[in-house]
Amino acid sequence: MAPKKGNPSPAAIPPSSTKAQHITPSSAGQPTKPQNKPSSTATSSASTSSSIRNAQDAQQIAVGMWNNYVDKTPQRVKLLDAFMVFLLVVGVLQFVYCVIAGNYPFNAFLSGFSATVGQFVLTASLRIQTNPENKADFESISHERAFADFVFGSMILHFFCVNFIN
């Protein structure tokens, strides 16, 4: 049987309205608001401690990844990674300079930026081909062949970039 319109079912009553209301002697029978408010310091300290815990977990993950990278990555791959970081920084600096100072010789900006991006892609390809973890995927390609392809591709890329400048 469905509950009557004036008498709501217990499931339809919100939890805050089921609490007993406190009556003070001065109000003489008039109900007041419940005094069961959580303190703002308790909720802020709980959220602060959870964010600190999450930051510590993220820091531990980052330190673990860095230690794993330093311990298990060969020196050749680290050298390629350092060159890729350098190319990334140069590309960002070129873009920031173009935004701040303007792009009057636009061909020069396009040529320099495309050279940076192209060299980054060629270096990433060399890193993938020479990484010992990917040896099963590139069995027929030696390290010397991969480096020769890298040098040949870099020469073609820079030839086009120099010709694009005029």
C-alpha atoms as a PDB file:
ATOM      1  CA  MET A   1       0.000   0.000   0.000  1.00  0.00           C
ATOM      2  CA  ALA A   2       1.369   3.418  -0.967  1.00  0.00           C
ATOM      3  CA  PRO A   3       1.913   6.034   1.759  1.00  0.00           C
ATOM      4  CA  LYS A   4      -0.588   8.823   1.977  1.00  0.00           C
ATOM      5  CA  LYS A   5       0.200  12.224   0.584  1.00  0.00           C
ATOM      6  CA  GLY A   6       0.422  13.966   3.965  1.00  0.00           C
ATOM      7  CA  ASN A   7       2.439  11.160   5.648  1.00  0.00           C
ATOM      8  CA  PRO A   8       5.735  10.559   3.795  1.00  0.00           C
ATOM      9  CA  SER A   9       7.437   7.184   4.044  1.00  0.00           C
ATOM     10  CA  PRO A  10      10.598   6.922   6.175  1.00  0.00           C
ATOM     11  CA  ALA A  11      12.703   6.415   3.040  1.00  0.00           C
ATOM     12  CA  ALA A  12      11.500   9.720   1.582  1.00  0.00           C
ATOM     13  CA  ILE A  13      12.489  11.738   4.658  1.00  0.00           C
ATOM     14  CA  PRO A  14      15.909  13.361   4.267  1.00  0.00           C
ATOM     15  CA  PRO A  15      18.467  12.239   6.875  1.00  0.00           C
ATOM     16  CA  SER A  16      18.892  15.742   8.303  1.00  0.00           C
ATOM     17  CA  SER A  17      15.203  16.005   9.195  1.00  0.00           C
ATOM     18  CA  THR A  18      15.143  12.717  11.119  1.00  0.00           C
ATOM     19  CA  LYS A  19      17.420  14.063  13.863  1.00  0.00           C
ATOM     20  CA  ALA A  20      15.812  15.284  17.052  1.00  0.00           C
ATOM     21  CA  GLN A  21      15.635  19.016  17.339  1.00  0.00           C
ATOM     22  CA  HIS A  22      16.942  20.701  20.444  1.00  0.00           C
ATOM     23  CA  ILE A  23      14.648  22.906  22.504  1.00  0.00           C
ATOM     24  CA  THR A  24      16.155  25.515  24.725  1.00  0.00           C
ATOM     25  CA  PRO A  25      14.387  26.661  27.882  1.00  0.00           C
ATOM     26  CA  SER A  26      14.202  30.248  26.678  1.00  0.00           C
ATOM     27  CA  SER A  27      12.348  29.329  23.488  1.00  0.00           C
ATOM     28  CA  ALA A  28       9.443  27.759  25.449  1.00  0.00           C
ATOM     29  CA  GLY A  29       8.581  24.954  23.089  1.00  0.00           C
ATOM     30  CA  GLN A  30       9.775  26.520  19.834  1.00  0.00           C
ATOM     31  CA  PRO A  31      12.130  24.174  17.962  1.00  0.00           C
ATOM     32  CA  THR A  32      15.534  25.485  16.953  1.00  0.00           C
ATOM     33  CA  LYS A  33      17.963  24.356  14.265  1.00  0.00           C
ATOM     34  CA  PRO A  34      20.020  21.271  15.063  1.00  0.00           C
ATOM     35  CA  GLN A  35      23.460  21.990  16.494  1.00  0.00           C
ATOM     36  CA  ASN A  36      25.167  19.036  14.739  1.00  0.00           C
ATOM     37  CA  LYS A  37      27.265  21.087  12.296  1.00  0.00           C
ATOM     38  CA  PRO A  38      30.675  19.699  11.428  1.00  0.00           C
ATOM     39  CA  SER A  39      33.413  22.152  12.219  1.00  0.00           C
ATOM     40  CA  SER A  40      35.052  23.727   9.190  1.00  0.00           C
ATOM     41  CA  THR A  41      38.492  23.039  10.648  1.00  0.00           C
ATOM     42  CA  ALA A  42      37.785  19.306  10.750  1.00  0.00           C
ATOM     43  CA  THR A  43      36.761  19.164   7.098  1.00  0.00           C
ATOM     44  CA  SER A  44      39.585  21.438   5.959  1.00  0.00           C
ATOM     45  CA  SER A  45      42.156  19.438   7.902  1.00  0.00           C
ATOM     46  CA  ALA A  46      40.812  16.198   6.439  1.00  0.00           C
ATOM     47  CA  SER A  47      41.024  17.550   2.892  1.00  0.00           C
ATOM     48  CA  THR A  48      44.473  19.002   3.579  1.00  0.00           C
ATOM     49  CA  SER A  49      45.779  15.712   4.940  1.00  0.00           C
ATOM     50  CA  SER A  50      44.406  13.790   1.960  1.00  0.00           C
ATOM     51  CA  SER A  51      45.966  16.257  -0.488  1.00  0.00           C
ATOM     52  CA  ILE A  52      49.277  16.015   1.359  1.00  0.00           C
ATOM     53  CA  ARG A  53      49.022  12.240   1.247  1.00  0.00           C
ATOM     54  CA  ASN A  54      48.288  12.362  -2.509  1.00  0.00           C
ATOM     55  CA  ALA A  55      51.239  14.704  -3.045  1.00  0.00           C
ATOM     56  CA  GLN A  56      53.510  12.364  -1.105  1.00  0.00           C
ATOM     57  CA  ASP A  57      52.256   9.388  -3.129  1.00  0.00           C
ATOM     58  CA  ALA A  58      52.876  11.275  -6.375  1.00  0.00           C
ATOM     59  CA  GLN A  59      56.341  12.236  -5.176  1.00  0.00           C
ATOM     60  CA  GLN A  60      57.150   8.622  -4.273  1.00  0.00           C
ATOM     61  CA  ILE A  61      55.965   7.466  -7.702  1.00  0.00           C
ATOM     62  CA  ALA A  62      58.079  10.106  -9.452  1.00  0.00           C
ATOM     63  CA  VAL A  63      61.168   9.229  -7.394  1.00  0.00           C
ATOM     64  CA  GLY A  64      60.632   5.527  -8.088  1.00  0.00           C
ATOM     65  CA  MET A  65      60.314   6.150 -11.818  1.00  0.00           C
ATOM     66  CA  TRP A  66      63.446   8.316 -11.817  1.00  0.00           C
ATOM     67  CA  ASN A  67      65.452   5.702  -9.891  1.00  0.00           C
ATOM     68  CA  ASN A  68      64.277   2.989 -12.282  1.00  0.00           C
ATOM     69  CA  TYR A  69      65.246   5.148 -15.278  1.00  0.00           C
ATOM     70  CA  VAL A  70      68.716   5.899 -13.865  1.00  0.00           C
ATOM     71  CA  ASP A  71      69.405   2.273 -12.895  1.00  0.00           C
ATOM     72  CA  LYS A  72      68.070   0.389 -15.933  1.00  0.00           C
ATOM     73  CA  THR A  73      68.435   2.719 -18.923  1.00  0.00           C
ATOM     74  CA  PRO A  74      71.592   2.325 -21.036  1.00  0.00           C
ATOM     75  CA  GLN A  75      73.919   5.308 -21.462  1.00  0.00           C
ATOM     76  CA  ARG A  76      73.191   5.612 -25.222  1.00  0.00           C
ATOM     77  CA  VAL A  77      69.469   5.961 -24.592  1.00  0.00           C
ATOM     78  CA  LYS A  78      70.080   8.538 -21.844  1.00  0.00           C
ATOM     79  CA  LEU A  79      72.200  10.565 -24.258  1.00  0.00           C
ATOM     80  CA  LEU A  80      69.407  10.504 -26.862  1.00  0.00           C
ATOM     81  CA  ASP A  81      66.895  11.502 -24.181  1.00  0.00           C
ATOM     82  CA  ALA A  82      69.075  14.464 -23.172  1.00  0.00           C
ATOM     83  CA  PHE A  83      69.262  15.571 -26.817  1.00  0.00           C
ATOM     84  CA  MET A  84      65.478  15.277 -27.127  1.00  0.00           C
ATOM     85  CA  VAL A  85      65.011  17.442 -24.009  1.00  0.00           C
ATOM     86  CA  PHE A  86      67.388  20.003 -25.537  1.00  0.00           C
ATOM     87  CA  LEU A  87      65.349  20.013 -28.766  1.00  0.00           C
ATOM     88  CA  LEU A  88      62.137  20.428 -26.781  1.00  0.00           C
ATOM     89  CA  VAL A  89      63.555  23.422 -24.893  1.00  0.00           C
ATOM     90  CA  VAL A  90      64.822  25.012 -28.134  1.00  0.00           C
ATOM     91  CA  GLY A  91      61.406  24.567 -29.773  1.00  0.00           C
ATOM     92  CA  VAL A  92      59.627  26.140 -26.801  1.00  0.00           C
ATOM     93  CA  LEU A  93      62.072  29.057 -26.745  1.00  0.00           C
ATOM     94  CA  GLN A  94      61.575  29.648 -30.482  1.00  0.00           C
ATOM     95  CA  PHE A  95      57.818  29.655 -30.073  1.00  0.00           C
ATOM     96  CA  VAL A  96      57.926  32.000 -27.060  1.00  0.00           C
ATOM     97  CA  TYR A  97      60.261  34.354 -28.935  1.00  0.00           C
ATOM     98  CA  CYS A  98      57.874  34.390 -31.904  1.00  0.00           C
ATOM     99  CA  VAL A  99      54.946  35.228 -29.621  1.00  0.00           C
ATOM    100  CA  ILE A 100      56.786  37.970 -27.719  1.00  0.00           C
ATOM    101  CA  ALA A 101      58.938  39.600 -30.413  1.00  0.00           C
ATOM    102  CA  GLY A 102      56.690  38.979 -33.388  1.00  0.00           C
ATOM    103  CA  ASN A 103      57.129  36.868 -36.456  1.00  0.00           C
ATOM    104  CA  TYR A 104      58.441  39.341 -39.023  1.00  0.00           C
ATOM    105  CA  PRO A 105      60.721  36.919 -40.863  1.00  0.00           C
ATOM    106  CA  PHE A 106      58.050  34.219 -40.715  1.00  0.00           C
ATOM    107  CA  ASN A 107      60.055  31.947 -43.032  1.00  0.00           C
ATOM    108  CA  ALA A 108      62.900  31.968 -40.517  1.00  0.00           C
ATOM    109  CA  PHE A 109      60.582  31.012 -37.673  1.00  0.00           C
ATOM    110  CA  LEU A 110      58.945  28.240 -39.693  1.00  0.00           C
ATOM    111  CA  SER A 111      62.288  26.930 -40.838  1.00  0.00           C
ATOM    112  CA  GLY A 112      63.830  26.886 -37.354  1.00  0.00           C
ATOM    113  CA  PHE A 113      60.777  25.456 -35.665  1.00  0.00           C
ATOM    114  CA  SER A 114      60.266  22.752 -38.297  1.00  0.00           C
ATOM    115  CA  ALA A 115      63.973  21.850 -38.059  1.00  0.00           C
ATOM    116  CA  THR A 116      63.598  21.438 -34.298  1.00  0.00           C
ATOM    117  CA  VAL A 117      60.432  19.359 -34.558  1.00  0.00           C
ATOM    118  CA  GLY A 118      61.836  17.263 -37.411  1.00  0.00           C
ATOM    119  CA  GLN A 119      65.075  16.601 -35.546  1.00  0.00           C
ATOM    120  CA  PHE A 120      63.049  15.594 -32.468  1.00  0.00           C
ATOM    121  CA  VAL A 121      61.082  13.071 -34.554  1.00  0.00           C
ATOM    122  CA  LEU A 122      64.245  11.669 -36.147  1.00  0.00           C
ATOM    123  CA  THR A 123      65.885  11.350 -32.712  1.00  0.00           C
ATOM    124  CA  ALA A 124      62.808   9.602 -31.307  1.00  0.00           C
ATOM    125  CA  SER A 125      62.986   7.146 -34.205  1.00  0.00           C
ATOM    126  CA  LEU A 126      66.683   6.515 -33.520  1.00  0.00           C
ATOM    127  CA  ARG A 127      65.920   6.000 -29.817  1.00  0.00           C
ATOM    128  CA  ILE A 128      63.224   3.454 -30.575  1.00  0.00           C
ATOM    129  CA  GLN A 129      65.433   1.536 -33.002  1.00  0.00           C
ATOM    130  CA  THR A 130      68.510   1.439 -30.739  1.00  0.00           C
ATOM    131  CA  ASN A 131      66.768   0.743 -27.421  1.00  0.00           C
ATOM    132  CA  PRO A 132      67.745  -2.765 -26.242  1.00  0.00           C
ATOM    133  CA  GLU A 133      64.194  -3.364 -24.969  1.00  0.00           C
ATOM    134  CA  ASN A 134      62.913  -3.080 -28.564  1.00  0.00           C
ATOM    135  CA  LYS A 135      65.489  -5.468 -30.055  1.00  0.00           C
ATOM    136  CA  ALA A 136      62.801  -8.043 -30.906  1.00  0.00           C
ATOM    137  CA  ASP A 137      60.925  -5.505 -33.046  1.00  0.00           C
ATOM    138  CA  PHE A 138      64.018  -4.348 -34.979  1.00  0.00           C
ATOM    139  CA  GLU A 139      66.068  -7.542 -35.379  1.00  0.00           C
ATOM    140  CA  SER A 140      67.100  -6.811 -38.967  1.00  0.00           C
ATOM    141  CA  ILE A 141      68.274  -3.228 -38.256  1.00  0.00           C
ATOM    142  CA  SER A 142      71.690  -2.786 -36.653  1.00  0.00           C
ATOM    143  CA  HIS A 143      72.610   0.186 -34.523  1.00  0.00           C
ATOM    144  CA  GLU A 144      74.974   1.429 -37.228  1.00  0.00           C
ATOM    145  CA  ARG A 145      72.236   1.256 -39.878  1.00  0.00           C
ATOM    146  CA  ALA A 146      69.803   3.121 -37.619  1.00  0.00           C
ATOM    147  CA  PHE A 147      72.408   5.844 -37.002  1.00  0.00           C
ATOM    148  CA  ALA A 148      73.179   6.121 -40.726  1.00  0.00           C
ATOM    149  CA  ASP A 149      69.446   6.558 -41.432  1.00  0.00           C
ATOM    150  CA  PHE A 150      69.321   9.220 -38.713  1.00  0.00           C
ATOM    151  CA  VAL A 151      72.253  11.160 -40.218  1.00  0.00           C
ATOM    152  CA  PHE A 152      70.852  10.894 -43.766  1.00  0.00           C
ATOM    153  CA  GLY A 153      67.400  12.054 -42.647  1.00  0.00           C
ATOM    154  CA  SER A 154      68.946  14.936 -40.666  1.00  0.00           C
ATOM    155  CA  MET A 155      70.928  16.088 -43.696  1.00  0.00           C
ATOM    156  CA  ILE A 156      67.816  16.093 -45.903  1.00  0.00           C
ATOM    157  CA  LEU A 157      65.778  17.890 -43.219  1.00  0.00           C
ATOM    158  CA  HIS A 158      68.353  20.634 -42.747  1.00  0.00           C
ATOM    159  CA  PHE A 159      68.865  21.016 -46.500  1.00  0.00           C
ATOM    160  CA  PHE A 160      65.173  21.804 -46.919  1.00  0.00           C
ATOM    161  CA  CYS A 161      65.124  24.106 -43.865  1.00  0.00           C
ATOM    162  CA  VAL A 162      68.115  26.125 -45.127  1.00  0.00           C
ATOM    163  CA  ASN A 163      66.537  26.432 -48.577  1.00  0.00           C
ATOM    164  CA  PHE A 164      63.232  27.524 -47.016  1.00  0.00           C
ATOM    165  CA  ILE A 165      64.889  30.466 -45.250  1.00  0.00           C
ATOM    166  CA  ASN A 166      66.154  31.851 -48.640  1.00  0.00           C
END
